[in-house]
Amino acid sequence: MKKELNQLFKSDFNRFSKLKLENDFLLVDLSKNHIESLDFLSDSEKKQIEIAREKMFSGANINLTEHRSAMHFRLRRSRAVDPLDEEVFRVRKDFMDFGEQVFQMKTKGSSGKVINTVVNIGIGGSDLGPKFLVDALRDYWKTVKVKFVSNIDGQAIYEVLEEINPETTIFIVCSKTFSTQETIQNANTAKKNG
């Protein structure tokens, strides 16, 4: 029978420090799992993880479904370490500045009316990530309404289009590759009917 986690912590005051993995920008806490050491991986498995990590950080083509590199880690860095990071930081600042203008309701649409609604069109992480962020920060603003469309069922986009005023709405098409069929179809529907 397994011990309760609180018993494991009581019997080993160093449990957290022994069962954590950490680098400059990531902390993995395995202490709240029923393991006793970090030796659950063989040496060859640890080596394969290290090789995969190095490939990712070097920009190698590791995303086999999209045939491209996975450079999202650059968004999590606290400082730029190369020219590509500097470009990422510049674009991120532009996004943050624009978001702040929308949040403060200082952005106007093409008709001159203030933007008060944001519609995010995406699927998977391009839907869930922004949705989690909005849910987490919901208590910090009461001005801008945020709506999400991820379902390929046309009813979802049409319901949102019925609720919004196109003159006061900005649409964000959220996609890594802009080749996701569901996202492109919803974006085209919004463009034609919004």
C-alpha atoms as a PDB file:
ATOM      1  CA  MET A   1       0.000   0.000   0.000  1.00  0.00           C
ATOM      2  CA  LYS A   2       1.342   3.430  -0.972  1.00  0.00           C
ATOM      3  CA  LYS A   3       1.991   6.030   1.675  1.00  0.00           C
ATOM      4  CA  GLU A   4      -0.015   9.233   1.589  1.00  0.00           C
ATOM      5  CA  LEU A   5       1.913  12.173   0.122  1.00  0.00           C
ATOM      6  CA  ASN A   6       1.808  14.091   3.409  1.00  0.00           C
ATOM      7  CA  GLN A   7       3.457  11.078   5.081  1.00  0.00           C
ATOM      8  CA  LEU A   8       6.197  11.059   2.427  1.00  0.00           C
ATOM      9  CA  PHE A   9       6.927  14.730   3.126  1.00  0.00           C
ATOM     10  CA  LYS A  10       6.932  14.152   6.905  1.00  0.00           C
ATOM     11  CA  SER A  11       9.409  11.280   6.577  1.00  0.00           C
ATOM     12  CA  ASP A  12      11.719  13.223   4.234  1.00  0.00           C
ATOM     13  CA  PHE A  13      12.019  16.996   4.775  1.00  0.00           C
ATOM     14  CA  ASN A  14      14.267  17.236   1.674  1.00  0.00           C
ATOM     15  CA  ARG A  15      11.735  15.584  -0.624  1.00  0.00           C
ATOM     16  CA  PHE A  16      11.092  18.714  -2.693  1.00  0.00           C
ATOM     17  CA  SER A  17      14.772  19.534  -3.267  1.00  0.00           C
ATOM     18  CA  LYS A  18      15.527  15.890  -4.198  1.00  0.00           C
ATOM     19  CA  LEU A  19      12.594  15.592  -6.616  1.00  0.00           C
ATOM     20  CA  LYS A  20      12.759  18.822  -8.580  1.00  0.00           C
ATOM     21  CA  LEU A  21      14.269  19.571 -11.951  1.00  0.00           C
ATOM     22  CA  GLU A  22      15.163  23.187 -12.641  1.00  0.00           C
ATOM     23  CA  ASN A  23      16.857  25.398 -15.196  1.00  0.00           C
ATOM     24  CA  ASP A  24      16.860  29.142 -15.946  1.00  0.00           C
ATOM     25  CA  PHE A  25      13.164  29.375 -16.747  1.00  0.00           C
ATOM     26  CA  LEU A  26      11.471  26.134 -15.744  1.00  0.00           C
ATOM     27  CA  LEU A  27      10.836  24.306 -12.477  1.00  0.00           C
ATOM     28  CA  VAL A  28       9.398  20.790 -12.543  1.00  0.00           C
ATOM     29  CA  ASP A  29       8.182  19.619  -9.115  1.00  0.00           C
ATOM     30  CA  LEU A  30       7.882  15.836  -8.999  1.00  0.00           C
ATOM     31  CA  SER A  31       7.764  15.679  -5.200  1.00  0.00           C
ATOM     32  CA  LYS A  32       3.976  15.431  -5.187  1.00  0.00           C
ATOM     33  CA  ASN A  33       4.068  12.147  -7.080  1.00  0.00           C
ATOM     34  CA  HIS A  34       4.559   8.700  -5.650  1.00  0.00           C
ATOM     35  CA  ILE A  35       8.180   8.377  -6.742  1.00  0.00           C
ATOM     36  CA  GLU A  36      11.237   8.136  -4.548  1.00  0.00           C
ATOM     37  CA  SER A  37      13.980   9.375  -6.884  1.00  0.00           C
ATOM     38  CA  LEU A  38      14.642  10.928 -10.267  1.00  0.00           C
ATOM     39  CA  ASP A  39      16.331   7.722 -11.384  1.00  0.00           C
ATOM     40  CA  PHE A  40      13.177   6.454 -13.094  1.00  0.00           C
ATOM     41  CA  LEU A  41      14.770   7.101 -16.499  1.00  0.00           C
ATOM     42  CA  SER A  42      17.580   4.944 -17.836  1.00  0.00           C
ATOM     43  CA  ASP A  43      20.833   6.619 -18.821  1.00  0.00           C
ATOM     44  CA  SER A  44      20.048   6.118 -22.520  1.00  0.00           C
ATOM     45  CA  GLU A  45      16.595   7.703 -22.057  1.00  0.00           C
ATOM     46  CA  LYS A  46      18.165  10.678 -20.270  1.00  0.00           C
ATOM     47  CA  LYS A  47      20.645  11.028 -23.143  1.00  0.00           C
ATOM     48  CA  GLN A  48      17.815  10.938 -25.715  1.00  0.00           C
ATOM     49  CA  ILE A  49      15.980  13.680 -23.824  1.00  0.00           C
ATOM     50  CA  GLU A  50      19.138  15.797 -23.761  1.00  0.00           C
ATOM     51  CA  ILE A  51      19.673  15.263 -27.508  1.00  0.00           C
ATOM     52  CA  ALA A  52      16.041  16.214 -28.224  1.00  0.00           C
ATOM     53  CA  ARG A  53      16.382  19.297 -26.019  1.00  0.00           C
ATOM     54  CA  GLU A  54      19.528  20.416 -27.838  1.00  0.00           C
ATOM     55  CA  LYS A  55      17.822  19.909 -31.203  1.00  0.00           C
ATOM     56  CA  MET A  56      14.910  22.078 -30.096  1.00  0.00           C
ATOM     57  CA  PHE A  57      17.120  24.882 -28.773  1.00  0.00           C
ATOM     58  CA  SER A  58      19.303  24.807 -31.918  1.00  0.00           C
ATOM     59  CA  GLY A  59      16.284  25.337 -34.187  1.00  0.00           C
ATOM     60  CA  ALA A  60      16.313  21.880 -35.772  1.00  0.00           C
ATOM     61  CA  ASN A  61      13.203  20.649 -37.552  1.00  0.00           C
ATOM     62  CA  ILE A  62      11.641  18.684 -34.662  1.00  0.00           C
ATOM     63  CA  ASN A  63       7.931  19.312 -35.321  1.00  0.00           C
ATOM     64  CA  LEU A  64       7.418  16.358 -37.627  1.00  0.00           C
ATOM     65  CA  THR A  65       3.740  17.045 -38.385  1.00  0.00           C
ATOM     66  CA  GLU A  66       4.406  20.601 -39.597  1.00  0.00           C
ATOM     67  CA  HIS A  67       8.013  20.064 -40.769  1.00  0.00           C
ATOM     68  CA  ARG A  68       9.419  23.028 -38.881  1.00  0.00           C
ATOM     69  CA  SER A  69      11.342  24.002 -35.783  1.00  0.00           C
ATOM     70  CA  ALA A  70       9.625  24.584 -32.447  1.00  0.00           C
ATOM     71  CA  MET A  71      10.848  27.947 -31.203  1.00  0.00           C
ATOM     72  CA  HIS A  72       8.134  28.790 -28.659  1.00  0.00           C
ATOM     73  CA  PHE A  73      10.703  28.706 -25.856  1.00  0.00           C
ATOM     74  CA  ARG A  74      11.924  32.094 -27.092  1.00  0.00           C
ATOM     75  CA  LEU A  75       8.662  33.635 -25.869  1.00  0.00           C
ATOM     76  CA  ARG A  76       9.440  32.485 -22.327  1.00  0.00           C
ATOM     77  CA  ARG A  77      12.904  34.016 -22.107  1.00  0.00           C
ATOM     78  CA  SER A  78      13.347  36.979 -19.814  1.00  0.00           C
ATOM     79  CA  ARG A  79      16.104  38.504 -21.955  1.00  0.00           C
ATOM     80  CA  ALA A  80      17.267  38.319 -25.552  1.00  0.00           C
ATOM     81  CA  VAL A  81      20.331  36.168 -26.206  1.00  0.00           C
ATOM     82  CA  ASP A  82      20.594  36.532 -30.004  1.00  0.00           C
ATOM     83  CA  PRO A  83      19.199  38.577 -32.920  1.00  0.00           C
ATOM     84  CA  LEU A  84      16.198  36.267 -33.386  1.00  0.00           C
ATOM     85  CA  ASP A  85      15.291  36.748 -29.719  1.00  0.00           C
ATOM     86  CA  GLU A  86      15.542  40.508 -30.217  1.00  0.00           C
ATOM     87  CA  GLU A  87      13.004  40.268 -33.056  1.00  0.00           C
ATOM     88  CA  VAL A  88      10.716  38.093 -30.896  1.00  0.00           C
ATOM     89  CA  PHE A  89      10.952  40.628 -28.049  1.00  0.00           C
ATOM     90  CA  ARG A  90      10.201  43.539 -30.425  1.00  0.00           C
ATOM     91  CA  VAL A  91       7.105  41.811 -31.840  1.00  0.00           C
ATOM     92  CA  ARG A  92       5.999  40.759 -28.349  1.00  0.00           C
ATOM     93  CA  LYS A  93       6.282  44.380 -27.178  1.00  0.00           C
ATOM     94  CA  ASP A  94       4.209  45.522 -30.177  1.00  0.00           C
ATOM     95  CA  PHE A  95       1.532  42.964 -29.259  1.00  0.00           C
ATOM     96  CA  MET A  96       1.565  44.032 -25.618  1.00  0.00           C
ATOM     97  CA  ASP A  97       1.301  47.717 -26.537  1.00  0.00           C
ATOM     98  CA  PHE A  98      -1.606  47.008 -28.889  1.00  0.00           C
ATOM     99  CA  GLY A  99      -3.323  44.830 -26.283  1.00  0.00           C
ATOM    100  CA  GLU A 100      -2.985  47.597 -23.709  1.00  0.00           C
ATOM    101  CA  GLN A 101      -4.588  50.076 -26.125  1.00  0.00           C
ATOM    102  CA  VAL A 102      -7.529  47.700 -26.678  1.00  0.00           C
ATOM    103  CA  PHE A 103      -7.790  47.001 -22.934  1.00  0.00           C
ATOM    104  CA  GLN A 104      -7.888  50.754 -22.201  1.00  0.00           C
ATOM    105  CA  MET A 105     -10.513  51.142 -24.968  1.00  0.00           C
ATOM    106  CA  LYS A 106      -8.296  53.565 -26.896  1.00  0.00           C
ATOM    107  CA  THR A 107      -8.454  51.637 -30.183  1.00  0.00           C
ATOM    108  CA  LYS A 108     -11.003  52.582 -32.836  1.00  0.00           C
ATOM    109  CA  GLY A 109     -12.343  50.569 -35.731  1.00  0.00           C
ATOM    110  CA  SER A 110     -12.587  51.718 -39.327  1.00  0.00           C
ATOM    111  CA  SER A 111     -15.847  53.594 -38.635  1.00  0.00           C
ATOM    112  CA  GLY A 112     -14.259  55.539 -35.768  1.00  0.00           C
ATOM    113  CA  LYS A 113     -16.119  53.694 -33.006  1.00  0.00           C
ATOM    114  CA  VAL A 114     -14.175  52.385 -30.000  1.00  0.00           C
ATOM    115  CA  ILE A 115     -13.360  48.662 -30.005  1.00  0.00           C
ATOM    116  CA  ASN A 116     -15.122  46.988 -27.064  1.00  0.00           C
ATOM    117  CA  THR A 117     -15.210  43.339 -28.197  1.00  0.00           C
ATOM    118  CA  VAL A 118     -12.476  40.878 -29.151  1.00  0.00           C
ATOM    119  CA  VAL A 119     -13.219  37.616 -30.961  1.00  0.00           C
ATOM    120  CA  ASN A 120     -10.461  34.988 -30.905  1.00  0.00           C
ATOM    121  CA  ILE A 121     -10.657  32.433 -33.715  1.00  0.00           C
ATOM    122  CA  GLY A 122      -8.422  29.409 -33.193  1.00  0.00           C
ATOM    123  CA  ILE A 123      -8.398  25.745 -32.289  1.00  0.00           C
ATOM    124  CA  GLY A 124      -6.423  23.605 -29.833  1.00  0.00           C
ATOM    125  CA  GLY A 125      -3.719  25.636 -28.112  1.00  0.00           C
ATOM    126  CA  SER A 126      -4.649  28.673 -30.205  1.00  0.00           C
ATOM    127  CA  ASP A 127      -8.027  28.598 -28.463  1.00  0.00           C
ATOM    128  CA  LEU A 128      -7.254  27.117 -25.053  1.00  0.00           C
ATOM    129  CA  GLY A 129      -4.200  29.252 -24.240  1.00  0.00           C
ATOM    130  CA  PRO A 130      -5.977  32.586 -24.779  1.00  0.00           C
ATOM    131  CA  LYS A 131      -9.148  31.242 -23.131  1.00  0.00           C
ATOM    132  CA  PHE A 132      -7.238  30.207 -19.988  1.00  0.00           C
ATOM    133  CA  LEU A 133      -5.573  33.617 -19.859  1.00  0.00           C
ATOM    134  CA  VAL A 134      -8.898  35.455 -20.170  1.00  0.00           C
ATOM    135  CA  ASP A 135     -10.459  33.253 -17.487  1.00  0.00           C
ATOM    136  CA  ALA A 136      -7.500  33.826 -15.154  1.00  0.00           C
ATOM    137  CA  LEU A 137      -7.615  37.614 -15.566  1.00  0.00           C
ATOM    138  CA  ARG A 138     -11.393  38.046 -15.773  1.00  0.00           C
ATOM    139  CA  ASP A 139     -11.598  40.006 -12.481  1.00  0.00           C
ATOM    140  CA  TYR A 140      -9.114  42.633 -13.705  1.00  0.00           C
ATOM    141  CA  TRP A 141     -11.293  44.229 -16.340  1.00  0.00           C
ATOM    142  CA  LYS A 142     -14.951  44.837 -16.970  1.00  0.00           C
ATOM    143  CA  THR A 143     -14.799  46.812 -20.208  1.00  0.00           C
ATOM    144  CA  VAL A 144     -13.771  44.671 -23.174  1.00  0.00           C
ATOM    145  CA  LYS A 145     -15.831  41.566 -23.971  1.00  0.00           C
ATOM    146  CA  VAL A 146     -13.898  38.546 -25.238  1.00  0.00           C
ATOM    147  CA  LYS A 147     -15.481  35.737 -27.250  1.00  0.00           C
ATOM    148  CA  PHE A 148     -13.966  32.534 -28.604  1.00  0.00           C
ATOM    149  CA  VAL A 149     -14.702  30.494 -31.711  1.00  0.00           C
ATOM    150  CA  SER A 150     -13.000  27.138 -32.160  1.00  0.00           C
ATOM    151  CA  ASN A 151     -15.764  24.799 -33.275  1.00  0.00           C
ATOM    152  CA  ILE A 152     -15.909  23.885 -36.955  1.00  0.00           C
ATOM    153  CA  ASP A 153     -19.702  23.686 -36.652  1.00  0.00           C
ATOM    154  CA  GLY A 154     -20.848  26.856 -38.420  1.00  0.00           C
ATOM    155  CA  GLN A 155     -23.398  27.509 -35.703  1.00  0.00           C
ATOM    156  CA  ALA A 156     -20.606  28.569 -33.314  1.00  0.00           C
ATOM    157  CA  ILE A 157     -19.291  31.391 -35.509  1.00  0.00           C
ATOM    158  CA  TYR A 158     -22.792  32.520 -36.491  1.00  0.00           C
ATOM    159  CA  GLU A 159     -23.885  32.763 -32.841  1.00  0.00           C
ATOM    160  CA  VAL A 160     -20.911  35.024 -32.094  1.00  0.00           C
ATOM    161  CA  LEU A 161     -21.535  37.108 -35.214  1.00  0.00           C
ATOM    162  CA  GLU A 162     -25.136  37.679 -34.087  1.00  0.00           C
ATOM    163  CA  GLU A 163     -23.961  38.930 -30.670  1.00  0.00           C
ATOM    164  CA  ILE A 164     -21.341  41.432 -31.802  1.00  0.00           C
ATOM    165  CA  ASN A 165     -21.288  44.796 -33.516  1.00  0.00           C
ATOM    166  CA  PRO A 166     -18.736  44.585 -36.365  1.00  0.00           C
ATOM    167  CA  GLU A 167     -17.939  48.298 -35.967  1.00  0.00           C
ATOM    168  CA  THR A 168     -16.747  47.789 -32.376  1.00  0.00           C
ATOM    169  CA  THR A 169     -15.182  44.329 -32.715  1.00  0.00           C
ATOM    170  CA  ILE A 170     -11.677  43.184 -33.516  1.00  0.00           C
ATOM    171  CA  PHE A 171     -11.052  39.623 -34.678  1.00  0.00           C
ATOM    172  CA  ILE A 172      -7.858  37.763 -33.814  1.00  0.00           C
ATOM    173  CA  VAL A 173      -7.093  34.772 -36.004  1.00  0.00           C
ATOM    174  CA  CYS A 174      -4.802  32.722 -33.805  1.00  0.00           C
ATOM    175  CA  SER A 175      -2.736  30.086 -35.618  1.00  0.00           C
ATOM    176  CA  LYS A 176       0.908  29.024 -35.827  1.00  0.00           C
ATOM    177  CA  THR A 177       0.806  28.132 -39.520  1.00  0.00           C
ATOM    178  CA  PHE A 178      -2.474  29.553 -40.830  1.00  0.00           C
ATOM    179  CA  SER A 179      -3.078  26.178 -42.450  1.00  0.00           C
ATOM    180  CA  THR A 180      -5.518  24.767 -39.876  1.00  0.00           C
ATOM    181  CA  GLN A 181      -8.717  24.195 -41.863  1.00  0.00           C
ATOM    182  CA  GLU A 182     -11.138  24.872 -38.990  1.00  0.00           C
ATOM    183  CA  THR A 183      -9.482  28.180 -38.129  1.00  0.00           C
ATOM    184  CA  ILE A 184      -9.290  29.356 -41.743  1.00  0.00           C
ATOM    185  CA  GLN A 185     -12.921  28.393 -42.394  1.00  0.00           C
ATOM    186  CA  ASN A 186     -14.131  30.297 -39.308  1.00  0.00           C
ATOM    187  CA  ALA A 187     -11.953  33.296 -40.222  1.00  0.00           C
ATOM    188  CA  ASN A 188     -13.347  33.357 -43.751  1.00  0.00           C
ATOM    189  CA  THR A 189     -16.907  33.106 -42.416  1.00  0.00           C
ATOM    190  CA  ALA A 190     -16.257  36.027 -40.068  1.00  0.00           C
ATOM    191  CA  LYS A 191     -14.720  38.049 -42.906  1.00  0.00           C
ATOM    192  CA  LYS A 192     -17.685  37.452 -45.204  1.00  0.00           C
ATOM    193  CA  ASN A 193     -20.416  37.923 -42.600  1.00  0.00           C
ATOM    194  CA  GLY A 194     -18.877  40.194 -39.950  1.00  0.00           C
END
